[in-house]
Protein backbone atom coordinates (compact mmCIF):
# COMPACT_ATOMS: atom_id res chain seq x y z
CA MET A 1 82.81 38.84 81.57
CA GLN A 2 80.19 41.21 80.29
CA ALA A 3 78.57 41.40 83.73
CA ALA A 4 81.95 42.08 85.34
CA ARG A 5 82.77 44.74 82.78
CA PHE A 6 79.36 46.34 83.21
CA ARG A 7 79.91 46.38 86.98
CA SER A 8 83.30 48.04 86.59
CA LEU A 9 81.95 50.61 84.18
CA VAL A 10 78.98 51.52 86.34
CA THR A 11 81.19 51.73 89.42
CA ALA A 12 82.76 54.69 87.64
CA LEU A 13 79.54 56.57 88.24
CA LEU A 14 80.57 56.87 91.86
CA ALA A 15 83.99 58.00 90.76
CA GLY A 16 82.37 60.79 88.82
CA ALA A 17 80.23 61.56 91.82
CA ALA A 18 83.14 61.92 94.18
CA LEU A 19 85.58 63.49 91.76
CA ALA A 20 83.20 66.12 90.50
CA VAL A 21 81.68 67.14 93.83
CA PRO A 22 82.97 70.33 95.45
CA LEU A 23 83.86 69.75 99.07
CA CYS A 24 82.50 72.93 100.56
CA ALA A 25 80.18 72.22 103.43
CA HIS A 26 77.08 73.36 101.55
CA ALA A 27 78.04 72.48 98.03
CA GLN A 28 75.84 69.54 97.26
CA SER A 29 73.33 68.72 99.85
CA GLU A 30 72.25 71.72 101.82
CA GLN A 31 68.54 72.07 102.41
CA PRO A 32 67.10 75.47 101.54
CA THR A 33 65.10 75.30 104.80
CA GLU A 34 68.27 75.62 106.86
CA PHE A 35 68.16 78.45 109.38
CA GLU A 36 70.29 81.34 108.18
CA SER A 37 73.22 82.73 110.12
CA TRP A 38 72.88 86.15 111.75
CA GLN A 39 76.72 86.48 111.86
CA LEU A 40 76.83 88.37 115.12
CA PRO A 41 80.22 89.13 116.74
CA GLY A 42 81.30 86.66 119.44
CA TRP A 43 79.65 83.33 120.25
CA THR A 44 76.06 82.72 119.15
CA PHE A 45 73.91 79.61 119.55
CA THR A 46 70.68 79.23 117.58
CA PRO A 47 68.44 76.33 118.65
CA GLY A 48 65.23 75.71 116.78
CA VAL A 49 62.68 73.35 115.31
CA THR A 50 60.76 73.23 112.03
CA VAL A 51 57.39 71.49 111.81
CA GLY A 52 55.65 70.94 108.49
CA TRP A 53 52.97 69.04 106.60
CA LEU A 54 54.20 67.99 103.16
CA TYR A 55 53.05 66.06 100.10
CA ASP A 56 55.40 63.58 98.41
CA SER A 57 54.40 62.72 94.81
CA ASN A 58 56.80 59.75 94.44
CA VAL A 59 57.47 58.07 97.77
CA ALA A 60 59.28 55.11 96.16
CA VAL A 61 61.55 57.33 94.00
CA ALA A 62 60.69 55.06 91.06
CA TYR A 63 59.58 55.12 87.45
CA PRO A 64 55.79 55.29 86.97
CA PRO A 65 54.22 51.86 86.28
CA VAL A 66 53.40 51.22 82.63
CA ASP A 67 49.80 50.23 83.37
CA THR A 68 48.81 53.29 85.43
CA GLY A 69 51.47 55.87 84.63
CA LYS A 70 51.21 57.21 88.19
CA THR A 71 53.65 56.85 91.06
CA ALA A 72 52.69 56.16 94.67
CA ALA A 73 52.10 59.40 96.60
CA ASP A 74 51.45 60.22 100.24
CA ASN A 75 51.25 63.00 102.79
CA LEU A 76 53.85 63.19 105.52
CA PHE A 77 54.53 64.99 108.76
CA GLN A 78 58.07 66.34 109.13
CA MET A 79 59.81 67.67 112.22
CA GLU A 80 63.29 69.16 111.97
CA PRO A 81 65.20 69.90 115.17
CA PHE A 82 68.35 71.93 114.48
CA GLY A 83 71.09 73.92 116.12
CA LEU A 84 73.71 76.37 114.91
CA LEU A 85 76.83 77.34 116.90
CA GLU A 86 78.92 80.24 115.55
CA PHE A 87 81.83 82.43 116.47
CA TYR A 88 82.88 85.57 114.61
CA GLY A 89 86.00 87.42 115.72
CA PRO A 90 88.60 89.78 114.26
CA ARG A 91 90.77 86.87 113.05
CA THR A 92 88.64 83.73 113.43
CA ASP A 93 85.32 82.59 111.97
CA PHE A 94 83.82 79.29 113.15
CA SER A 95 80.46 77.71 112.38
CA SER A 96 78.90 74.32 113.11
CA SER A 97 75.37 73.03 112.61
CA TYR A 98 73.17 69.97 112.94
CA HIS A 99 69.83 69.20 111.31
CA GLY A 100 67.69 66.13 111.93
CA PHE A 101 64.70 65.37 109.70
CA LEU A 102 62.06 63.05 111.21
CA ARG A 103 59.51 62.03 108.58
CA ARG A 104 56.30 60.08 109.19
CA TYR A 105 54.09 59.09 106.24
CA SER A 106 50.31 58.80 106.54
CA ASP A 107 49.85 55.56 104.57
CA PHE A 108 53.33 54.19 103.80
CA ASN A 109 54.53 53.83 107.39
CA GLU A 110 57.37 51.54 106.32
CA LEU A 111 58.99 54.56 104.69
CA ASP A 112 59.20 56.56 107.94
CA SER A 113 62.78 57.77 108.23
CA LEU A 114 65.35 59.89 110.02
CA GLU A 115 67.80 62.04 108.07
CA ASN A 116 70.91 63.62 109.61
CA ARG A 117 72.97 66.55 108.34
CA ALA A 118 75.93 68.09 110.14
CA SER A 119 78.66 70.50 109.13
CA ALA A 120 81.50 72.55 110.58
CA SER A 121 83.86 75.15 109.11
CA LEU A 122 86.79 77.18 110.44
CA ARG A 123 88.73 80.08 108.99
CA HIS A 124 91.60 81.58 110.98
CA ARG A 125 94.00 84.34 109.96
CA ILE A 126 97.27 83.18 111.51
CA THR A 127 99.25 86.19 110.35
CA ARG A 128 98.61 89.08 108.00
CA ARG A 129 99.75 86.86 105.12
CA LEU A 130 98.77 83.33 106.17
CA THR A 131 95.17 82.06 106.55
CA LEU A 132 94.04 78.57 107.59
CA SER A 133 90.70 77.03 106.58
CA ALA A 134 89.11 73.66 107.36
CA GLY A 135 85.69 72.08 107.27
CA GLU A 136 83.60 68.95 107.13
CA ALA A 137 80.07 68.03 106.04
CA TYR A 138 78.15 64.83 106.77
CA LEU A 139 74.85 63.62 105.34
CA ARG A 140 72.74 60.53 105.87
CA THR A 141 69.53 60.36 103.85
CA PRO A 142 67.08 57.57 102.86
CA THR A 143 67.10 58.43 99.12
CA THR A 144 69.83 59.12 96.58
CA ASP A 145 67.93 61.95 94.87
CA GLN A 146 68.67 64.13 97.91
CA VAL A 147 72.43 63.68 97.44
CA GLU A 148 73.41 65.76 94.42
CA LEU A 149 76.17 63.47 93.19
CA ASN A 150 77.18 63.25 89.57
CA GLY A 151 76.20 60.02 87.83
CA VAL A 152 74.26 58.43 90.71
CA PRO A 153 70.83 57.02 89.72
CA PHE A 154 67.84 58.08 91.82
CA GLN A 155 66.71 55.32 94.19
CA ARG A 156 65.13 54.88 97.61
CA ASN A 157 68.42 53.67 98.96
CA GLY A 158 70.01 54.82 102.19
CA SER A 159 73.02 57.02 101.39
CA ARG A 160 75.87 58.36 103.51
CA TYR A 161 78.19 61.11 102.37
CA ASP A 162 81.09 62.76 104.17
CA SER A 163 83.51 65.37 102.89
CA ALA A 164 86.37 67.16 104.64
CA TYR A 165 88.97 69.70 103.61
CA GLY A 166 91.87 71.65 105.00
CA GLY A 167 93.86 74.39 103.33
CA LEU A 168 96.26 77.30 103.58
CA GLU A 169 96.28 80.61 101.74
CA PHE A 170 99.52 82.60 101.69
CA ARG A 171 99.99 86.11 100.40
CA VAL A 172 103.47 85.92 98.89
CA SER A 173 103.64 89.61 98.05
CA ARG A 174 101.35 92.56 97.55
CA THR A 175 100.10 91.10 94.25
CA ILE A 176 100.80 87.33 94.42
CA THR A 177 98.70 84.82 96.39
CA ALA A 178 99.28 81.05 96.67
CA SER A 179 96.91 78.46 98.15
CA ALA A 180 96.95 74.72 98.81
CA ARG A 181 94.03 72.49 99.79
CA TYR A 182 93.58 68.83 100.77
CA GLU A 183 90.20 67.18 100.16
CA PHE A 184 88.59 63.90 101.20
CA THR A 185 85.24 62.47 100.07
CA TRP A 186 83.55 59.26 101.22
CA VAL A 187 80.28 57.81 99.88
CA ASP A 188 78.45 54.67 101.01
CA PHE A 189 75.07 53.10 100.27
CA GLU A 190 72.85 50.92 102.45
CA LYS A 191 71.96 48.55 99.62
CA LYS A 192 74.97 47.86 97.46
CA ASP A 193 74.44 46.57 93.93
CA VAL A 194 75.90 46.84 90.46
CA LEU A 195 74.96 50.51 90.30
CA LEU A 196 75.90 51.68 93.79
CA ASN A 197 78.95 50.41 95.66
CA GLY A 198 80.67 53.21 97.56
CA GLY A 199 84.25 54.35 98.03
CA PHE A 200 86.45 57.32 98.83
CA VAL A 201 88.59 59.94 97.09
CA ASN A 202 91.66 61.88 98.27
CA GLY A 203 92.76 65.03 96.47
CA ILE A 204 95.18 67.95 96.54
CA HIS A 205 94.62 71.30 94.83
CA GLY A 206 96.99 74.23 94.48
CA ASP A 207 96.94 77.55 92.66
CA VAL A 208 98.99 80.72 92.33
CA THR A 209 97.42 84.00 91.17
CA GLU A 210 98.74 87.50 90.59
CA ALA A 211 96.70 90.69 90.74
CA ILE A 212 96.41 92.60 87.47
CA GLY A 213 95.32 96.08 88.38
CA SER A 214 92.74 96.68 91.10
CA ARG A 215 89.95 94.44 89.75
CA SER A 216 91.39 91.30 88.18
CA SER A 217 93.83 88.49 88.86
CA ALA A 218 95.15 85.56 86.84
CA GLY A 219 97.25 82.50 87.49
CA ALA A 220 97.58 78.73 87.23
CA GLU A 221 96.06 75.78 89.07
CA TYR A 222 96.86 72.08 89.50
CA THR A 223 94.71 69.29 90.99
CA VAL A 224 95.42 65.60 91.54
CA ARG A 225 92.94 63.07 92.98
CA TRP A 226 93.03 59.35 93.76
CA ALA A 227 89.83 57.29 93.92
CA ASP A 228 89.49 53.93 95.70
CA LEU A 229 86.08 52.39 94.93
CA ASP A 230 84.14 49.16 95.39
CA GLN A 231 86.20 47.95 98.40
CA GLY A 232 89.48 48.59 96.62
CA LEU A 233 88.59 46.69 93.43
CA ARG A 234 88.51 49.86 91.37
CA GLN A 235 91.22 52.54 91.47
CA LEU A 236 91.42 55.70 89.39
CA SER A 237 93.49 58.86 89.39
CA PHE A 238 93.27 62.10 87.46
CA GLN A 239 95.10 65.38 87.17
CA ASN A 240 93.91 68.82 86.11
CA VAL A 241 96.25 71.59 85.04
CA GLY A 242 95.10 74.94 83.69
CA GLY A 243 94.66 78.66 84.14
CA VAL A 244 92.52 80.73 86.50
CA TYR A 245 91.08 84.22 85.96
CA ARG A 246 89.02 86.39 88.33
CA TYR A 247 87.50 89.79 87.62
CA ARG A 248 85.59 92.01 90.00
CA VAL A 249 83.00 93.70 87.79
CA GLY A 250 81.93 96.03 90.58
CA GLU A 251 82.10 96.30 94.33
CA ARG A 252 79.59 93.45 94.74
CA THR A 253 80.04 91.38 91.57
CA LEU A 254 82.73 88.75 90.99
CA PHE A 255 83.37 86.71 87.84
CA GLU A 256 85.74 83.75 87.84
CA ALA A 257 86.76 81.22 85.21
CA SER A 258 89.23 78.38 84.81
CA ALA A 259 90.14 76.07 81.95
CA GLY A 260 92.78 73.53 81.08
CA LEU A 261 93.51 69.87 80.43
CA ALA A 262 92.49 66.84 82.49
CA TYR A 263 94.34 63.53 82.43
CA LEU A 264 92.71 60.32 83.68
CA ILE A 265 94.16 56.88 84.47
CA ASP A 266 91.93 53.85 85.06
CA ARG A 267 94.23 51.07 86.30
CA PHE A 268 91.48 48.44 86.40
CA ASN A 269 90.93 48.65 82.64
CA ASP A 270 94.44 49.92 81.81
CA VAL A 271 92.98 53.00 80.11
CA SER A 272 94.05 56.65 80.09
CA ARG A 273 92.29 59.67 78.62
CA THR A 274 93.02 63.38 78.09
CA GLY A 275 90.52 66.16 77.51
CA PRO A 276 89.71 69.80 78.32
CA TYR A 277 87.72 71.17 81.26
CA VAL A 278 85.99 74.55 81.68
CA HIS A 279 84.48 76.35 84.67
CA ALA A 280 82.78 79.76 84.89
CA GLY A 281 80.97 81.39 87.80
CA LEU A 282 79.33 84.72 88.63
CA THR A 283 78.36 86.02 92.09
CA HIS A 284 76.43 89.24 92.67
CA ARG A 285 75.77 90.52 96.19
CA LEU A 286 72.93 92.95 96.74
CA GLN A 287 72.06 94.62 100.01
CA ARG A 288 69.27 92.14 100.68
CA ALA A 289 70.15 89.16 98.48
CA THR A 290 72.95 87.18 96.90
CA LEU A 291 72.70 85.83 93.34
CA GLY A 292 74.97 83.15 91.94
CA ALA A 293 75.38 81.12 88.76
CA SER A 294 77.98 78.67 87.49
CA TYR A 295 78.72 76.45 84.50
CA ASP A 296 81.01 73.40 84.35
CA ARG A 297 81.93 71.24 81.40
CA SER A 298 84.47 68.46 81.09
CA TYR A 299 85.47 66.27 78.21
CA VAL A 300 87.36 63.61 80.18
CA PRO A 301 85.58 60.48 78.90
CA SER A 302 84.36 57.22 80.27
CA PHE A 303 85.49 56.75 83.85
CA ALA A 304 85.81 60.07 85.68
CA PHE A 305 82.72 62.15 85.06
CA GLY A 306 79.68 59.95 85.45
CA GLY A 307 80.88 57.50 82.81
CA SER A 308 80.64 60.03 80.01
CA ASN A 309 82.75 61.68 77.37
CA GLN A 310 81.05 64.97 78.17
CA SER A 311 79.65 66.15 81.48
CA GLU A 312 77.81 69.48 81.72
CA GLU A 313 76.37 71.20 84.77
CA VAL A 314 74.56 74.50 85.31
CA ARG A 315 73.76 75.88 88.78
CA GLY A 316 71.97 78.94 90.06
CA ASN A 317 70.90 80.26 93.46
CA VAL A 318 69.16 83.18 95.14
CA THR A 319 69.63 83.73 98.88
CA MET A 320 67.99 86.44 100.98
CA PRO A 321 69.49 86.49 104.50
CA LEU A 322 67.13 86.77 107.45
CA ASN A 323 69.06 89.56 109.10
CA HIS A 324 68.04 91.88 106.24
CA ASN A 325 64.58 90.59 105.26
CA ARG A 326 61.26 89.67 106.84
CA LEU A 327 59.95 88.35 103.52
CA TYR A 328 62.64 86.13 102.00
CA VAL A 329 63.27 83.63 99.23
CA ASP A 330 65.84 80.85 99.06
CA GLU A 331 66.13 79.21 95.64
CA SER A 332 68.68 76.75 94.30
CA ALA A 333 68.60 74.90 90.99
CA ALA A 334 70.99 72.49 89.29
CA TRP A 335 70.94 70.70 85.94
CA ARG A 336 73.46 68.04 85.02
CA ARG A 337 73.86 65.97 81.85
CA THR A 338 76.26 63.07 81.30
CA ASN A 339 76.65 61.58 77.83
CA PRO A 340 78.37 58.17 77.64
CA LEU A 341 81.33 57.30 75.50
CA LEU A 342 80.66 53.55 75.59
CA THR A 343 77.28 51.96 74.94
CA LEU A 344 77.40 49.97 78.20
CA GLU A 345 77.61 53.12 80.29
CA ILE A 346 74.61 54.94 81.72
CA PRO A 347 73.47 58.32 80.34
CA LEU A 348 71.74 60.52 82.91
CA ASN A 349 69.96 63.87 82.82
CA SER A 350 69.29 65.13 86.36
CA ILE A 351 67.54 68.19 87.80
CA TRP A 352 67.33 69.47 91.39
CA ILE A 353 65.22 72.51 92.36
CA HIS A 354 64.67 73.66 95.96
CA THR A 355 62.49 76.65 96.79
CA THR A 356 61.57 78.25 100.12
CA VAL A 357 59.42 81.36 100.43
CA GLY A 358 59.01 82.58 103.99
CA TYR A 359 57.83 85.43 106.17
CA GLU A 360 59.12 86.31 109.62
CA LEU A 361 56.08 87.15 111.75
CA VAL A 362 58.24 87.87 114.79
CA ARG A 363 61.95 87.50 115.42
CA TRP A 364 61.61 83.90 116.61
CA PHE A 365 58.76 82.59 114.41
CA ARG A 366 58.49 82.15 110.63
CA VAL A 367 56.03 80.63 108.17
CA GLU A 368 57.41 79.03 105.00
CA GLY A 369 56.17 77.50 101.80
CA TYR A 370 58.49 74.71 100.65
CA HIS A 371 58.92 72.92 97.31
CA ALA A 372 61.56 70.42 96.21
CA PHE A 373 61.60 68.98 92.70
CA THR A 374 63.94 66.24 91.43
CA ARG A 375 63.96 64.64 88.02
CA GLN A 376 66.14 62.09 86.27
CA ASP A 377 65.97 60.61 82.79
CA THR A 378 67.93 57.51 81.79
CA GLN A 379 67.81 55.11 78.86
CA LEU A 380 67.90 52.12 81.21
CA ALA A 381 64.11 52.20 81.45
CA ALA A 382 63.23 52.95 77.83
CA GLY A 383 63.45 56.68 78.30
CA GLN A 384 61.15 56.84 81.33
CA LYS A 385 61.63 59.66 83.81
CA ILE A 386 61.71 59.73 87.59
CA ASN A 387 59.87 62.83 88.81
CA ARG A 388 59.43 63.72 92.47
CA ASN A 389 57.75 66.75 94.04
CA ILE A 390 57.75 67.48 97.77
CA ILE A 391 55.58 70.49 98.57
CA GLY A 392 53.96 71.91 101.67
CA VAL A 393 53.87 74.45 104.50
CA GLN A 394 56.16 74.53 107.50
CA PHE A 395 56.61 76.60 110.65
CA VAL A 396 59.99 77.55 112.08
CA VAL A 397 60.69 78.47 115.70
CA ALA A 398 64.24 79.70 116.33
CA ARG A 399 66.11 82.59 117.91
CA PRO A 400 69.83 83.31 118.25
CA VAL A 401 71.21 83.46 121.79
CA ARG A 402 74.37 85.42 122.55
CA LEU A 403 76.77 83.29 124.61
CA GLN A 404 79.52 85.89 124.93
CA GLN A 405 79.56 89.66 124.49
């Protein structure tokens, strides 16, 4: 019974992963080495390849052995073929991309792997008042630390993640805007065990906002999601209802916040919980860079947010687009903490940092320095920490090709 209960509780980690993950195409798993869009009018195709020599400080994605205190490390060769197809028109924006990562280790040849990432997004203004949006993102990676999912322990375990969304935005009047959005998330793992099982989540989100003056707007939002996990053995649902506020500090700065109550139902354990949630975000667009930061906190306990009674997350990013810079920096960082309500649940502190510093020698050739750092601390291994650094130099060959004037 205790093993079964522990399995059911830990399965909730995936629920927290899926329920807490935004479904935008680049929300969780985008590599900072991705070739940036030039956003040229009409059809544009950008083929390319990235070749690099990297150092991996923890190839097994494991805790350091007690006797040595050092994890297994190795050098690796990485080749990344990619392509980006875009269309930008007066009423329609479309973008699709594919990235393949072929990795070959010098000593640990059994860890050679292929990673696939693909995404597509569409935004179409049907009328002056009605806009349609849709998108999908797919990821297949050999390690879980590259999938930024809430409550998932870091392992060298093959992971597959797919998210899709579709939505409508309708301008009811000059000051009132309503939107509705359907979301789907699916997660699966190559090696299923008590910690990682897989499942899917369906969700619907709606909000109505009204402009208050020329800079701000306020309104209400409602979200409902249904989770089906562990081959249907575990089912959860939760609802969020609250208020939304947006304020444009200046022409290039936007602040947004939302807060309210969340209600969770776990049918497997016949448990329900209620607690507050809070979100705040700030985006500042400069001529040559975009800065962003966000904070999320939820008090829904136990089964919806990484098996915790409190889940906190802080994110930040700096992006310098290639069409404005020859010397550029792409930086993204995320910190997430989940504190358990029950002693059988798993507390996790996780960090992801991705940094790329590059220089465009000519329009079609760039040199980049790359660093990825992941860290996770859990009490399952007596407070030990999983630390992984991937660092190196890579060369990028790519050039956009106009398909239609």
